[in-house]
Amino acid sequence: MSLKIAASSLITKHYLMVEAEGVKFCEIAAFGGPKRFPFSRIECVLISPDHKLSFQVGNEVFGIGTKPGNPKHLAVIDALLEGVRRSLNAGSAA
């Protein structure tokens, strides 16, 4: 499984990819690289009234714009939430 929301431009590379074991987030203007996080490190997931999807890992918040009617974006959001739920349930069962 690998689902992706991309919001890149000529100047920046910006995407969120949900994979089986966690997420890969990239927001690069010039240098740097993508960051990977297991679902268990994601503390909070929010979507704002202007459809920006955000998630918190430690003290950092990462966000990307989404399109509410786009089936690919909805699938990414659903997969992200399901992965976080699964990790919470696995943590409480241990």
PDB file of N, CA and C in Angstrom:
ATOM      1  N   MET A   1       0.848  -1.179   0.000  1.00  0.00           N
ATOM      2  CA  MET A   1       0.000   0.000   0.000  1.00  0.00           C
ATOM      3  C   MET A   1       0.890   1.237   0.000  1.00  0.00           C
ATOM      4  N   SER A   2       0.607   2.153  -0.877  1.00  0.00           N
ATOM      5  CA  SER A   2       1.297   3.440  -0.890  1.00  0.00           C
ATOM      6  C   SER A   2       0.362   4.444  -1.545  1.00  0.00           C
ATOM      7  N   LEU A   3      -0.129   5.371  -0.742  1.00  0.00           N
ATOM      8  CA  LEU A   3      -1.056   6.393  -1.220  1.00  0.00           C
ATOM      9  C   LEU A   3      -0.407   7.753  -1.046  1.00  0.00           C
ATOM     10  N   LYS A   4      -0.665   8.674  -1.980  1.00  0.00           N
ATOM     11  CA  LYS A   4       0.080   9.929  -1.969  1.00  0.00           C
ATOM     12  C   LYS A   4      -0.787  11.136  -2.313  1.00  0.00           C
ATOM     13  N   ILE A   5      -0.547  12.237  -1.573  1.00  0.00           N
ATOM     14  CA  ILE A   5      -1.076  13.557  -1.914  1.00  0.00           C
ATOM     15  C   ILE A   5       0.135  14.399  -2.284  1.00  0.00           C
ATOM     16  N   ALA A   6       0.118  14.976  -3.467  1.00  0.00           N
ATOM     17  CA  ALA A   6       1.225  15.832  -3.904  1.00  0.00           C
ATOM     18  C   ALA A   6       0.720  17.251  -4.110  1.00  0.00           C
ATOM     19  N   ALA A   7       1.522  18.223  -3.686  1.00  0.00           N
ATOM     20  CA  ALA A   7       1.192  19.641  -3.858  1.00  0.00           C
ATOM     21  C   ALA A   7       2.466  20.391  -4.208  1.00  0.00           C
ATOM     22  N   SER A   8       3.191  19.887  -5.183  1.00  0.00           N
ATOM     23  CA  SER A   8       4.466  20.475  -5.572  1.00  0.00           C
ATOM     24  C   SER A   8       4.268  21.608  -6.578  1.00  0.00           C
ATOM     25  N   SER A   9       5.289  22.451  -6.666  1.00  0.00           N
ATOM     26  CA  SER A   9       5.302  23.534  -7.649  1.00  0.00           C
ATOM     27  C   SER A   9       6.671  23.523  -8.326  1.00  0.00           C
ATOM     28  N   LEU A  10       6.930  24.534  -9.141  1.00  0.00           N
ATOM     29  CA  LEU A  10       8.234  24.622  -9.786  1.00  0.00           C
ATOM     30  C   LEU A  10       9.354  24.825  -8.769  1.00  0.00           C
ATOM     31  N   ILE A  11       9.053  25.442  -7.639  1.00  0.00           N
ATOM     32  CA  ILE A  11      10.063  25.790  -6.642  1.00  0.00           C
ATOM     33  C   ILE A  11      10.138  24.783  -5.501  1.00  0.00           C
ATOM     34  N   THR A  12       9.019  24.191  -5.124  1.00  0.00           N
ATOM     35  CA  THR A  12       8.990  23.306  -3.960  1.00  0.00           C
ATOM     36  C   THR A  12       8.529  21.901  -4.315  1.00  0.00           C
ATOM     37  N   LYS A  13       8.962  20.965  -3.497  1.00  0.00           N
ATOM     38  CA  LYS A  13       8.491  19.588  -3.578  1.00  0.00           C
ATOM     39  C   LYS A  13       7.743  19.338  -2.278  1.00  0.00           C
ATOM     40  N   HIS A  14       6.477  18.969  -2.381  1.00  0.00           N
ATOM     41  CA  HIS A  14       5.626  18.859  -1.196  1.00  0.00           C
ATOM     42  C   HIS A  14       4.695  17.670  -1.400  1.00  0.00           C
ATOM     43  N   TYR A  15       4.821  16.664  -0.523  1.00  0.00           N
ATOM     44  CA  TYR A  15       3.913  15.526  -0.617  1.00  0.00           C
ATOM     45  C   TYR A  15       3.792  14.811   0.721  1.00  0.00           C
ATOM     46  N   LEU A  16       2.723  14.044   0.833  1.00  0.00           N
ATOM     47  CA  LEU A  16       2.479  13.163   1.964  1.00  0.00           C
ATOM     48  C   LEU A  16       2.184  11.793   1.380  1.00  0.00           C
ATOM     49  N   MET A  17       2.944  10.806   1.796  1.00  0.00           N
ATOM     50  CA  MET A  17       2.732   9.448   1.320  1.00  0.00           C
ATOM     51  C   MET A  17       2.432   8.569   2.524  1.00  0.00           C
ATOM     52  N   VAL A  18       1.349   7.807   2.453  1.00  0.00           N
ATOM     53  CA  VAL A  18       0.990   6.864   3.509  1.00  0.00           C
ATOM     54  C   VAL A  18       1.369   5.473   3.015  1.00  0.00           C
ATOM     55  N   GLU A  19       2.222   4.826   3.801  1.00  0.00           N
ATOM     56  CA  GLU A  19       2.700   3.490   3.479  1.00  0.00           C
ATOM     57  C   GLU A  19       2.227   2.527   4.559  1.00  0.00           C
ATOM     58  N   ALA A  20       2.520   1.266   4.411  1.00  0.00           N
ATOM     59  CA  ALA A  20       2.035   0.250   5.357  1.00  0.00           C
ATOM     60  C   ALA A  20       2.523   0.498   6.783  1.00  0.00           C
ATOM     61  N   GLU A  21       3.762   0.968   6.939  1.00  0.00           N
ATOM     62  CA  GLU A  21       4.326   1.115   8.271  1.00  0.00           C
ATOM     63  C   GLU A  21       4.297   2.533   8.822  1.00  0.00           C
ATOM     64  N   GLY A  22       3.892   3.496   8.018  1.00  0.00           N
ATOM     65  CA  GLY A  22       3.850   4.876   8.502  1.00  0.00           C
ATOM     66  C   GLY A  22       3.707   5.874   7.372  1.00  0.00           C
ATOM     67  N   VAL A  23       4.174   7.097   7.620  1.00  0.00           N
ATOM     68  CA  VAL A  23       4.046   8.156   6.617  1.00  0.00           C
ATOM     69  C   VAL A  23       5.418   8.683   6.220  1.00  0.00           C
ATOM     70  N   LYS A  24       5.461   9.207   5.023  1.00  0.00           N
ATOM     71  CA  LYS A  24       6.639   9.887   4.497  1.00  0.00           C
ATOM     72  C   LYS A  24       6.154  11.273   4.091  1.00  0.00           C
ATOM     73  N   PHE A  25       6.775  12.304   4.648  1.00  0.00           N
ATOM     74  CA  PHE A  25       6.352  13.671   4.393  1.00  0.00           C
ATOM     75  C   PHE A  25       7.530  14.449   3.842  1.00  0.00           C
ATOM     76  N   CYS A  26       7.278  15.226   2.808  1.00  0.00           N
ATOM     77  CA  CYS A  26       8.336  16.007   2.185  1.00  0.00           C
ATOM     78  C   CYS A  26       7.823  17.418   1.909  1.00  0.00           C
ATOM     79  N   GLU A  27       8.587  18.400   2.360  1.00  0.00           N
ATOM     80  CA  GLU A  27       8.295  19.806   2.078  1.00  0.00           C
ATOM     81  C   GLU A  27       9.648  20.493   1.901  1.00  0.00           C
ATOM     82  N   ILE A  28      10.106  20.543   0.670  1.00  0.00           N
ATOM     83  CA  ILE A  28      11.454  21.033   0.363  1.00  0.00           C
ATOM     84  C   ILE A  28      11.374  22.226  -0.571  1.00  0.00           C
ATOM     85  N   ALA A  29      12.058  23.305  -0.195  1.00  0.00           N
ATOM     86  CA  ALA A  29      12.167  24.466  -1.070  1.00  0.00           C
ATOM     87  C   ALA A  29      13.496  24.438  -1.825  1.00  0.00           C
ATOM     88  N   ALA A  30      14.550  23.968  -1.198  1.00  0.00           N
ATOM     89  CA  ALA A  30      15.843  23.926  -1.862  1.00  0.00           C
ATOM     90  C   ALA A  30      16.594  22.649  -1.481  1.00  0.00           C
ATOM     91  N   PHE A  31      16.920  22.504  -0.205  1.00  0.00           N
ATOM     92  CA  PHE A  31      17.682  21.349   0.257  1.00  0.00           C
ATOM     93  C   PHE A  31      16.889  20.599   1.312  1.00  0.00           C
ATOM     94  N   GLY A  32      17.322  19.401   1.588  1.00  0.00           N
ATOM     95  CA  GLY A  32      16.648  18.590   2.592  1.00  0.00           C
ATOM     96  C   GLY A  32      16.140  17.315   1.976  1.00  0.00           C
ATOM     97  N   GLY A  33      15.316  16.640   2.691  1.00  0.00           N
ATOM     98  CA  GLY A  33      14.777  15.392   2.194  1.00  0.00           C
ATOM     99  C   GLY A  33      13.515  15.028   2.934  1.00  0.00           C
ATOM    100  N   PRO A  34      12.899  13.965   2.503  1.00  0.00           N
ATOM    101  CA  PRO A  34      11.662  13.540   3.151  1.00  0.00           C
ATOM    102  C   PRO A  34      11.920  13.018   4.560  1.00  0.00           C
ATOM    103  N   LYS A  35      10.901  13.126   5.388  1.00  0.00           N
ATOM    104  CA  LYS A  35      10.947  12.600   6.754  1.00  0.00           C
ATOM    105  C   LYS A  35       9.968  11.444   6.832  1.00  0.00           C
ATOM    106  N   ARG A  36      10.356  10.414   7.564  1.00  0.00           N
ATOM    107  CA  ARG A  36       9.494   9.241   7.750  1.00  0.00           C
ATOM    108  C   ARG A  36       9.113   9.124   9.224  1.00  0.00           C
ATOM    109  N   PHE A  37       7.862   8.754   9.442  1.00  0.00           N
ATOM    110  CA  PHE A  37       7.368   8.575  10.801  1.00  0.00           C
ATOM    111  C   PHE A  37       6.502   7.326  10.865  1.00  0.00           C
ATOM    112  N   PRO A  38       6.720   6.463  11.863  1.00  0.00           N
ATOM    113  CA  PRO A  38       5.779   5.358  12.060  1.00  0.00           C
ATOM    114  C   PRO A  38       4.472   5.918  12.610  1.00  0.00           C
ATOM    115  N   PHE A  39       3.390   5.223  12.372  1.00  0.00           N
ATOM    116  CA  PHE A  39       2.086   5.692  12.862  1.00  0.00           C
ATOM    117  C   PHE A  39       2.104   5.913  14.371  1.00  0.00           C
ATOM    118  N   SER A  40       2.872   5.102  15.090  1.00  0.00           N
ATOM    119  CA  SER A  40       2.886   5.194  16.556  1.00  0.00           C
ATOM    120  C   SER A  40       3.449   6.520  17.063  1.00  0.00           C
ATOM    121  N   ARG A  41       4.191   7.258  16.254  1.00  0.00           N
ATOM    122  CA  ARG A  41       4.744   8.551  16.676  1.00  0.00           C
ATOM    123  C   ARG A  41       3.801   9.707  16.378  1.00  0.00           C
ATOM    124  N   ILE A  42       2.747   9.474  15.618  1.00  0.00           N
ATOM    125  CA  ILE A  42       1.798  10.535  15.285  1.00  0.00           C
ATOM    126  C   ILE A  42       0.842  10.713  16.459  1.00  0.00           C
ATOM    127  N   GLU A  43       0.877  11.924  17.030  1.00  0.00           N
ATOM    128  CA  GLU A  43       0.104  12.202  18.239  1.00  0.00           C
ATOM    129  C   GLU A  43      -1.275  12.774  17.947  1.00  0.00           C
ATOM    130  N   CYS A  44      -1.421  13.448  16.818  1.00  0.00           N
ATOM    131  CA  CYS A  44      -2.672  14.142  16.529  1.00  0.00           C
ATOM    132  C   CYS A  44      -2.815  14.309  15.017  1.00  0.00           C
ATOM    133  N   VAL A  45      -4.040  14.173  14.521  1.00  0.00           N
ATOM    134  CA  VAL A  45      -4.348  14.415  13.108  1.00  0.00           C
ATOM    135  C   VAL A  45      -5.527  15.376  13.064  1.00  0.00           C
ATOM    136  N   LEU A  46      -5.391  16.449  12.292  1.00  0.00           N
ATOM    137  CA  LEU A  46      -6.446  17.462  12.167  1.00  0.00           C
ATOM    138  C   LEU A  46      -6.664  17.805  10.701  1.00  0.00           C
ATOM    139  N   ILE A  47      -7.864  18.270  10.401  1.00  0.00           N
ATOM    140  CA  ILE A  47      -8.130  18.853   9.089  1.00  0.00           C
ATOM    141  C   ILE A  47      -8.850  20.174   9.344  1.00  0.00           C
ATOM    142  N   SER A  48      -8.332  21.236   8.755  1.00  0.00           N
ATOM    143  CA  SER A  48      -8.854  22.577   9.001  1.00  0.00           C
ATOM    144  C   SER A  48     -10.047  22.866   8.093  1.00  0.00           C
ATOM    145  N   PRO A  49     -10.794  23.939   8.371  1.00  0.00           N
ATOM    146  CA  PRO A  49     -11.930  24.305   7.521  1.00  0.00           C
ATOM    147  C   PRO A  49     -11.529  24.560   6.057  1.00  0.00           C
ATOM    148  N   ASP A  50     -10.264  24.953   5.831  1.00  0.00           N
ATOM    149  CA  ASP A  50      -9.816  25.161   4.441  1.00  0.00           C
ATOM    150  C   ASP A  50      -9.173  23.893   3.868  1.00  0.00           C
ATOM    151  N   HIS A  51      -9.426  22.732   4.495  1.00  0.00           N
ATOM    152  CA  HIS A  51      -9.041  21.399   4.016  1.00  0.00           C
ATOM    153  C   HIS A  51      -7.549  21.119   4.078  1.00  0.00           C
ATOM    154  N   LYS A  52      -6.834  21.783   4.985  1.00  0.00           N
ATOM    155  CA  LYS A  52      -5.423  21.467   5.188  1.00  0.00           C
ATOM    156  C   LYS A  52      -5.336  20.322   6.187  1.00  0.00           C
ATOM    157  N   LEU A  53      -4.704  19.233   5.771  1.00  0.00           N
ATOM    158  CA  LEU A  53      -4.500  18.074   6.625  1.00  0.00           C
ATOM    159  C   LEU A  53      -3.196  18.272   7.385  1.00  0.00           C
ATOM    160  N   SER A  54      -3.242  18.159   8.706  1.00  0.00           N
ATOM    161  CA  SER A  54      -2.054  18.334   9.543  1.00  0.00           C
ATOM    162  C   SER A  54      -1.923  17.164  10.491  1.00  0.00           C
ATOM    163  N   PHE A  55      -0.667  16.831  10.816  1.00  0.00           N
ATOM    164  CA  PHE A  55      -0.419  15.821  11.835  1.00  0.00           C
ATOM    165  C   PHE A  55       0.769  16.262  12.670  1.00  0.00           C
ATOM    166  N   GLN A  56       0.750  15.848  13.941  1.00  0.00           N
ATOM    167  CA  GLN A  56       1.781  16.254  14.884  1.00  0.00           C
ATOM    168  C   GLN A  56       2.630  15.066  15.291  1.00  0.00           C
ATOM    169  N   VAL A  57       3.964  15.290  15.257  1.00  0.00           N
ATOM    170  CA  VAL A  57       4.940  14.319  15.729  1.00  0.00           C
ATOM    171  C   VAL A  57       5.855  15.073  16.686  1.00  0.00           C
ATOM    172  N   GLY A  58       5.764  14.761  17.964  1.00  0.00           N
ATOM    173  CA  GLY A  58       6.537  15.513  18.953  1.00  0.00           C
ATOM    174  C   GLY A  58       6.108  16.964  18.952  1.00  0.00           C
ATOM    175  N   ASN A  59       7.068  17.879  18.836  1.00  0.00           N
ATOM    176  CA  ASN A  59       6.761  19.315  18.812  1.00  0.00           C
ATOM    177  C   ASN A  59       6.577  19.861  17.410  1.00  0.00           C
ATOM    178  N   GLU A  60       6.650  19.000  16.408  1.00  0.00           N
ATOM    179  CA  GLU A  60       6.532  19.462  15.015  1.00  0.00           C
ATOM    180  C   GLU A  60       5.151  19.154  14.453  1.00  0.00           C
ATOM    181  N   VAL A  61       4.639  20.080  13.655  1.00  0.00           N
ATOM    182  CA  VAL A  61       3.365  19.888  12.962  1.00  0.00           C
ATOM    183  C   VAL A  61       3.640  19.982  11.467  1.00  0.00           C
ATOM    184  N   PHE A  62       3.133  19.013  10.731  1.00  0.00           N
ATOM    185  CA  PHE A  62       3.322  18.939   9.288  1.00  0.00           C
ATOM    186  C   PHE A  62       1.958  19.035   8.625  1.00  0.00           C
ATOM    187  N   GLY A  63       1.871  19.738   7.511  1.00  0.00           N
ATOM    188  CA  GLY A  63       0.574  19.902   6.867  1.00  0.00           C
ATOM    189  C   GLY A  63       0.670  19.969   5.359  1.00  0.00           C
ATOM    190  N   ILE A  64      -0.456  19.625   4.727  1.00  0.00           N
ATOM    191  CA  ILE A  64      -0.563  19.680   3.276  1.00  0.00           C
ATOM    192  C   ILE A  64      -2.026  19.939   2.912  1.00  0.00           C
ATOM    193  N   GLY A  65      -2.232  20.708   1.871  1.00  0.00           N
ATOM    194  CA  GLY A  65      -3.591  20.985   1.408  1.00  0.00           C
ATOM    195  C   GLY A  65      -4.204  19.760   0.754  1.00  0.00           C
ATOM    196  N   THR A  66      -5.502  19.614   0.929  1.00  0.00           N
ATOM    197  CA  THR A  66      -6.227  18.507   0.305  1.00  0.00           C
ATOM    198  C   THR A  66      -7.412  19.067  -0.475  1.00  0.00           C
ATOM    199  N   LYS A  67      -7.932  18.237  -1.357  1.00  0.00           N
ATOM    200  CA  LYS A  67      -9.136  18.590  -2.117  1.00  0.00           C
ATOM    201  C   LYS A  67     -10.251  17.664  -1.648  1.00  0.00           C
ATOM    202  N   PRO A  68     -11.317  18.220  -1.057  1.00  0.00           N
ATOM    203  CA  PRO A  68     -12.341  17.396  -0.418  1.00  0.00           C
ATOM    204  C   PRO A  68     -13.055  16.413  -1.346  1.00  0.00           C
ATOM    205  N   GLY A  69     -13.182  16.703  -2.622  1.00  0.00           N
ATOM    206  CA  GLY A  69     -13.884  15.798  -3.526  1.00  0.00           C
ATOM    207  C   GLY A  69     -12.972  14.830  -4.253  1.00  0.00           C
ATOM    208  N   ASN A  70     -11.679  14.891  -3.999  1.00  0.00           N
ATOM    209  CA  ASN A  70     -10.717  14.059  -4.711  1.00  0.00           C
ATOM    210  C   ASN A  70     -10.625  12.677  -4.054  1.00  0.00           C
ATOM    211  N   PRO A  71     -10.990  11.606  -4.774  1.00  0.00           N
ATOM    212  CA  PRO A  71     -10.973  10.258  -4.190  1.00  0.00           C
ATOM    213  C   PRO A  71      -9.588   9.833  -3.694  1.00  0.00           C
ATOM    214  N   LYS A  72      -8.517  10.230  -4.385  1.00  0.00           N
ATOM    215  CA  LYS A  72      -7.162   9.875  -3.943  1.00  0.00           C
ATOM    216  C   LYS A  72      -6.843  10.542  -2.603  1.00  0.00           C
ATOM    217  N   HIS A  73      -7.226  11.800  -2.460  1.00  0.00           N
ATOM    218  CA  HIS A  73      -6.969  12.513  -1.211  1.00  0.00           C
ATOM    219  C   HIS A  73      -7.768  11.883  -0.071  1.00  0.00           C
ATOM    220  N   LEU A  74      -9.014  11.535  -0.334  1.00  0.00           N
ATOM    221  CA  LEU A  74      -9.840  10.893   0.689  1.00  0.00           C
ATOM    222  C   LEU A  74      -9.252   9.548   1.100  1.00  0.00           C
ATOM    223  N   ALA A  75      -8.709   8.800   0.142  1.00  0.00           N
ATOM    224  CA  ALA A  75      -8.090   7.505   0.446  1.00  0.00           C
ATOM    225  C   ALA A  75      -6.851   7.687   1.316  1.00  0.00           C
ATOM    226  N   VAL A  76      -6.047   8.727   1.048  1.00  0.00           N
ATOM    227  CA  VAL A  76      -4.864   9.006   1.866  1.00  0.00           C
ATOM    228  C   VAL A  76      -5.276   9.359   3.293  1.00  0.00           C
ATOM    229  N   ILE A  77      -6.267  10.220   3.430  1.00  0.00           N
ATOM    230  CA  ILE A  77      -6.752  10.615   4.762  1.00  0.00           C
ATOM    231  C   ILE A  77      -7.258   9.396   5.524  1.00  0.00           C
ATOM    232  N   ASP A  78      -8.065   8.566   4.867  1.00  0.00           N
ATOM    233  CA  ASP A  78      -8.595   7.360   5.508  1.00  0.00           C
ATOM    234  C   ASP A  78      -7.472   6.417   5.935  1.00  0.00           C
ATOM    235  N   ALA A  79      -6.474   6.222   5.065  1.00  0.00           N
ATOM    236  CA  ALA A  79      -5.359   5.325   5.384  1.00  0.00           C
ATOM    237  C   ALA A  79      -4.530   5.866   6.545  1.00  0.00           C
ATOM    238  N   LEU A  80      -4.320   7.178   6.579  1.00  0.00           N
ATOM    239  CA  LEU A  80      -3.578   7.799   7.678  1.00  0.00           C
ATOM    240  C   LEU A  80      -4.317   7.580   9.000  1.00  0.00           C
ATOM    241  N   LEU A  81      -5.603   7.874   9.013  1.00  0.00           N
ATOM    242  CA  LEU A  81      -6.385   7.697  10.236  1.00  0.00           C
ATOM    243  C   LEU A  81      -6.432   6.236  10.670  1.00  0.00           C
ATOM    244  N   GLU A  82      -6.579   5.337   9.732  1.00  0.00           N
ATOM    245  CA  GLU A  82      -6.621   3.910  10.059  1.00  0.00           C
ATOM    246  C   GLU A  82      -5.284   3.444  10.638  1.00  0.00           C
ATOM    247  N   GLY A  83      -4.174   3.897  10.055  1.00  0.00           N
ATOM    248  CA  GLY A  83      -2.860   3.529  10.574  1.00  0.00           C
ATOM    249  C   GLY A  83      -2.640   4.035  11.987  1.00  0.00           C
ATOM    250  N   VAL A  84      -3.055   5.262  12.257  1.00  0.00           N
ATOM    251  CA  VAL A  84      -2.912   5.824  13.603  1.00  0.00           C
ATOM    252  C   VAL A  84      -3.811   5.062  14.578  1.00  0.00           C
ATOM    253  N   ARG A  85      -5.039   4.765  14.178  1.00  0.00           N
ATOM    254  CA  ARG A  85      -5.953   3.985  15.042  1.00  0.00           C
ATOM    255  C   ARG A  85      -5.368   2.611  15.370  1.00  0.00           C
ATOM    256  N   ARG A  86      -4.844   1.929  14.340  1.00  0.00           N
ATOM    257  CA  ARG A  86      -4.242   0.613  14.540  1.00  0.00           C
ATOM    258  C   ARG A  86      -3.094   0.675  15.541  1.00  0.00           C
ATOM    259  N   SER A  87      -2.246   1.695  15.416  1.00  0.00           N
ATOM    260  CA  SER A  87      -1.106   1.799  16.328  1.00  0.00           C
ATOM    261  C   SER A  87      -1.568   2.097  17.757  1.00  0.00           C
ATOM    262  N   LEU A  88      -2.624   2.875  17.904  1.00  0.00           N
ATOM    263  CA  LEU A  88      -3.172   3.146  19.234  1.00  0.00           C
ATOM    264  C   LEU A  88      -3.746   1.877  19.851  1.00  0.00           C
ATOM    265  N   ASN A  89      -4.476   1.096  19.068  1.00  0.00           N
ATOM    266  CA  ASN A  89      -5.053  -0.150  19.555  1.00  0.00           C
ATOM    267  C   ASN A  89      -3.969  -1.167  19.891  1.00  0.00           C
ATOM    268  N   ALA A  90      -2.909  -1.218  19.087  1.00  0.00           N
ATOM    269  CA  ALA A  90      -1.804  -2.140  19.368  1.00  0.00           C
ATOM    270  C   ALA A  90      -1.088  -1.737  20.645  1.00  0.00           C
ATOM    271  N   GLY A  91      -0.946  -0.432  20.869  1.00  0.00           N
ATOM    272  CA  GLY A  91      -0.293   0.054  22.080  1.00  0.00           C
ATOM    273  C   GLY A  91      -1.093  -0.217  23.335  1.00  0.00           C
ATOM    274  N   SER A  92      -2.422  -0.112  23.231  1.00  0.00           N
ATOM    275  CA  SER A  92      -3.255  -0.351  24.414  1.00  0.00           C
ATOM    276  C   SER A  92      -3.413  -1.840  24.714  1.00  0.00           C
ATOM    277  N   ALA A  93      -3.194  -2.699  23.711  1.00  0.00           N
ATOM    278  CA  ALA A  93      -3.309  -4.138  23.912  1.00  0.00           C
ATOM    279  C   ALA A  93      -2.040  -4.711  24.530  1.00  0.00           C
ATOM    280  N   ALA A  94      -0.935  -3.974  24.415  1.00  0.00           N
ATOM    281  CA  ALA A  94       0.348  -4.513  24.921  1.00  0.00           C
ATOM    282  C   ALA A  94       0.471  -4.378  26.422  1.00  0.00           C
TER     283      ALA A  94
END
